Amino acid sequence: MFSHYQMTILEEFLESTYAAAGIIYPHQISVEELSLRLNVWVHYRPIGSRALEATSGMYSMFLDERLPPNQQRLDFLHELCHLLRHAGNQMVLPETFTQMQENEAEHFVLYAAMPFSMISRLEVPDRLGQAKLFLAETFGVPIELAEQRLDQLQRRTLQGIWNEVVNGQFRENRMKKPLWSPETNKILKQLNRQLIAKGLPGYQDKGLLQ
């Protein structure tokens, strides 16, 4: 379904980090497993979660012990991005720079909680409602987060297909043979209907949807 999906640089970074640490199954995306494999010391305290400066080559962070386990895991992934990607004390950084780091950490959570490499090996249901539930249950995340990730996957899949069209990879043979395989055309039509159902603009060039 996502054969045309294009990963971002941040997502590629996450995938390579997981691969190097041997994180290949959804059940491994836990605070215990990730902290062990990525060498992160976790301190549970009744304070807001935050990353700490690395000392002696060891990453460390505070996790709010008052939060339920599922939220602690999402907080862990958020702070993990700061540890792996960001340098400096956020308390003294300019606000615009801090906000940029926070935005990147939020995107990182989506990638880290539901990695594309794992999703691509699954039989994700075609129907949107079923797909959201499937991702939420498989990766143990709130359904709102699963919906965000699914929407992201769909948009970037469409973008990947569109990029191929713009780059002219299929245009010279357009009159000689169908632009898409039957399977790709079926996916395009399905994603187009879902975009329209959400009130978003679908493809205006109907020639792309055979």
Protein backbone atom coordinates (compact mmCIF):
# COMPACT_ATOMS: atom_id res chain seq x y z
CA MET A 1 0.00 0.00 0.00
CA PHE A 2 2.87 2.40 0.82
CA SER A 3 5.31 1.44 -1.93
CA HIS A 4 5.63 5.11 -2.99
CA TYR A 5 6.05 6.42 0.55
CA GLN A 6 9.00 8.77 1.04
CA MET A 7 10.71 9.10 4.41
CA THR A 8 12.04 12.37 5.79
CA ILE A 9 15.64 12.81 6.95
CA LEU A 10 14.45 12.62 10.57
CA GLU A 11 12.55 9.41 9.86
CA GLU A 12 15.58 7.87 8.16
CA PHE A 13 17.64 8.81 11.22
CA LEU A 14 15.12 7.02 13.48
CA GLU A 15 15.06 3.95 11.27
CA SER A 16 18.87 3.68 11.21
CA THR A 17 19.00 4.18 14.99
CA TYR A 18 16.50 1.37 15.57
CA ALA A 19 18.23 -0.92 13.07
CA ALA A 20 21.62 -0.41 14.73
CA ALA A 21 20.08 -1.20 18.13
CA GLY A 22 18.21 -4.28 16.87
CA ILE A 23 14.74 -2.77 17.39
CA ILE A 24 12.66 -4.58 14.75
CA TYR A 25 9.37 -5.54 16.46
CA PRO A 26 6.56 -3.40 17.94
CA HIS A 27 6.84 -5.04 21.37
CA GLN A 28 10.43 -3.75 21.63
CA ILE A 29 9.25 -0.14 21.60
CA SER A 30 9.10 0.08 25.39
CA VAL A 31 10.91 2.28 27.90
CA GLU A 32 12.71 -0.73 29.35
CA GLU A 33 13.90 -2.17 26.03
CA LEU A 34 14.83 1.11 24.38
CA SER A 35 16.65 2.49 27.41
CA LEU A 36 18.69 -0.72 27.63
CA ARG A 37 19.57 -0.91 23.95
CA LEU A 38 20.22 2.83 23.50
CA ASN A 39 22.13 3.28 26.76
CA VAL A 40 19.70 5.68 28.44
CA TRP A 41 19.47 5.99 32.22
CA VAL A 42 15.88 6.72 33.25
CA HIS A 43 15.09 8.41 36.58
CA TYR A 44 11.45 8.25 37.70
CA ARG A 45 10.51 11.33 39.73
CA PRO A 46 7.29 13.26 40.51
CA ILE A 47 8.37 16.06 38.16
CA GLY A 48 7.87 16.90 34.49
CA SER A 49 9.69 14.65 32.05
CA ARG A 50 12.87 16.10 30.59
CA ALA A 51 16.18 15.10 29.04
CA LEU A 52 19.43 15.64 30.96
CA GLU A 53 22.88 16.57 29.75
CA ALA A 54 24.92 13.52 28.72
CA THR A 55 27.63 12.59 31.21
CA SER A 56 30.42 10.02 30.77
CA GLY A 57 28.88 8.89 27.48
CA MET A 58 25.59 7.99 29.19
CA TYR A 59 22.27 9.50 28.20
CA SER A 60 19.78 10.16 30.99
CA MET A 61 16.35 11.67 31.52
CA PHE A 62 13.65 12.24 34.11
CA LEU A 63 10.27 10.60 33.50
CA ASP A 64 7.23 11.80 35.44
CA GLU A 65 6.28 8.86 37.66
CA ARG A 66 2.79 10.31 38.14
CA LEU A 67 1.87 9.61 34.51
CA PRO A 68 0.29 6.34 33.29
CA PRO A 69 2.75 3.93 31.58
CA ASN A 70 1.53 4.68 28.05
CA GLN A 71 2.12 8.41 28.50
CA GLN A 72 5.50 7.74 30.10
CA ARG A 73 6.47 5.83 26.96
CA LEU A 74 5.47 8.73 24.69
CA ASP A 75 7.33 11.15 26.96
CA PHE A 76 10.36 8.86 26.76
CA LEU A 77 10.30 8.95 22.94
CA HIS A 78 9.95 12.74 22.97
CA GLU A 79 12.91 13.19 25.33
CA LEU A 80 14.88 10.56 23.42
CA CYS A 81 14.79 12.85 20.39
CA HIS A 82 16.29 15.66 22.46
CA LEU A 83 19.06 13.33 23.65
CA LEU A 84 19.92 11.97 20.22
CA ARG A 85 19.38 15.10 18.11
CA HIS A 86 19.63 18.25 20.18
CA ALA A 87 22.48 19.88 22.03
CA GLY A 88 22.40 22.63 24.63
CA ASN A 89 20.24 23.51 27.60
CA GLN A 90 16.71 24.32 26.46
CA MET A 91 16.26 26.57 29.50
CA VAL A 92 18.75 29.09 28.05
CA LEU A 93 18.18 28.64 24.29
CA PRO A 94 16.24 31.25 22.25
CA GLU A 95 12.51 30.54 22.19
CA THR A 96 12.36 30.11 18.40
CA PHE A 97 15.17 27.54 18.50
CA THR A 98 13.53 25.70 21.40
CA GLN A 99 10.22 25.59 19.53
CA MET A 100 11.95 24.15 16.48
CA GLN A 101 13.41 21.38 18.63
CA GLU A 102 10.03 20.70 20.22
CA ASN A 103 8.38 20.41 16.81
CA GLU A 104 11.02 17.96 15.65
CA ALA A 105 10.58 15.91 18.84
CA GLU A 106 6.81 15.67 18.20
CA HIS A 107 7.43 14.32 14.70
CA PHE A 108 10.04 11.96 16.13
CA VAL A 109 7.44 10.48 18.49
CA LEU A 110 5.26 9.48 15.51
CA TYR A 111 8.18 7.81 13.75
CA ALA A 112 9.55 6.14 16.87
CA ALA A 113 6.19 4.87 18.16
CA MET A 114 5.12 3.52 14.74
CA PRO A 115 8.21 3.00 12.53
CA PHE A 116 7.59 2.73 8.80
CA SER A 117 9.83 -0.33 8.53
CA MET A 118 7.48 -2.19 10.89
CA ILE A 119 4.25 -0.85 9.38
CA SER A 120 5.37 -1.83 5.87
CA ARG A 121 5.58 -5.49 6.95
CA LEU A 122 2.01 -5.51 8.31
CA GLU A 123 -1.30 -6.22 6.59
CA VAL A 124 -2.87 -2.83 7.30
CA PRO A 125 -6.66 -2.84 6.61
CA ASP A 126 -7.85 -0.80 3.65
CA ARG A 127 -10.68 0.94 5.49
CA LEU A 128 -9.60 4.05 7.37
CA GLY A 129 -11.45 3.29 10.62
CA GLN A 130 -10.11 -0.26 10.77
CA ALA A 131 -6.59 0.88 9.89
CA LYS A 132 -6.55 3.39 12.77
CA LEU A 133 -7.65 0.74 15.26
CA PHE A 134 -5.13 -1.74 13.86
CA LEU A 135 -2.18 0.63 14.26
CA ALA A 136 -3.34 1.74 17.72
CA GLU A 137 -3.60 -1.85 18.96
CA THR A 138 -0.44 -3.11 17.24
CA PHE A 139 1.79 -0.33 18.58
CA GLY A 140 -0.06 0.41 21.83
CA VAL A 141 -0.69 4.08 21.08
CA PRO A 142 -3.76 6.34 21.45
CA ILE A 143 -6.04 6.16 18.43
CA GLU A 144 -5.52 9.91 17.84
CA LEU A 145 -1.79 9.28 17.38
CA ALA A 146 -2.48 6.33 15.08
CA GLU A 147 -4.76 8.56 13.00
CA GLN A 148 -2.02 11.20 12.74
CA ARG A 149 0.49 8.62 11.56
CA LEU A 150 -1.92 7.09 9.07
CA ASP A 151 -2.74 10.51 7.63
CA GLN A 152 0.97 11.20 7.33
CA LEU A 153 1.55 7.89 5.55
CA GLN A 154 -1.25 8.58 3.08
CA ARG A 155 -0.14 12.13 2.31
CA ARG A 156 3.47 11.14 1.71
CA THR A 157 2.43 8.16 -0.41
CA LEU A 158 0.39 10.49 -2.60
CA GLN A 159 3.28 12.94 -2.67
CA GLY A 160 5.64 10.16 -3.74
CA ILE A 161 3.32 9.20 -6.61
CA TRP A 162 2.92 12.83 -7.61
CA ASN A 163 6.70 13.34 -7.60
CA GLU A 164 7.09 10.46 -10.03
CA VAL A 165 4.57 12.08 -12.35
CA VAL A 166 6.26 15.50 -12.15
CA ASN A 167 9.67 13.96 -12.78
CA GLY A 168 8.32 12.50 -16.01
CA GLN A 169 9.11 8.88 -15.22
CA PHE A 170 5.84 7.72 -16.74
CA ARG A 171 4.77 10.54 -19.05
CA GLU A 172 6.61 9.52 -22.23
CA ASN A 173 4.79 6.17 -22.29
CA ARG A 174 1.46 7.53 -21.10
CA MET A 175 -0.23 7.09 -24.49
CA LYS A 176 1.26 3.66 -25.07
CA LYS A 177 0.31 1.94 -21.83
CA PRO A 178 -1.62 2.64 -18.61
CA LEU A 179 0.06 5.22 -16.34
CA TRP A 180 -0.38 3.03 -13.23
CA SER A 181 -0.62 -0.65 -12.51
CA PRO A 182 -4.16 -1.73 -11.51
CA GLU A 183 -3.04 -2.06 -7.87
CA THR A 184 -1.47 1.42 -7.77
CA ASN A 185 -4.51 2.94 -9.46
CA LYS A 186 -6.78 1.28 -6.87
CA ILE A 187 -4.69 2.78 -4.03
CA LEU A 188 -4.75 6.22 -5.66
CA LYS A 189 -8.53 6.20 -5.97
CA GLN A 190 -8.93 5.01 -2.36
CA LEU A 191 -6.62 7.70 -0.96
CA ASN A 192 -8.28 10.34 -3.13
CA ARG A 193 -11.72 9.45 -1.71
CA GLN A 194 -10.35 9.62 1.84
CA LEU A 195 -8.86 13.07 1.22
CA ILE A 196 -12.18 14.34 -0.12
CA ALA A 197 -14.08 12.75 2.81
CA LYS A 198 -11.84 14.76 5.19
CA GLY A 199 -12.66 17.97 3.35
CA LEU A 200 -9.19 18.12 1.77
CA PRO A 201 -8.57 18.76 -1.93
CA GLY A 202 -8.26 15.56 -3.94
CA TYR A 203 -6.51 15.23 -7.26
CA GLN A 204 -7.94 17.74 -9.72
CA ASP A 205 -6.27 16.11 -12.72
CA LYS A 206 -8.66 13.22 -13.29
CA GLY A 207 -6.27 11.86 -15.90
CA LEU A 208 -4.08 10.67 -13.04
CA LEU A 209 -6.91 8.49 -11.76
CA GLN A 210 -7.70 5.97 -14.48
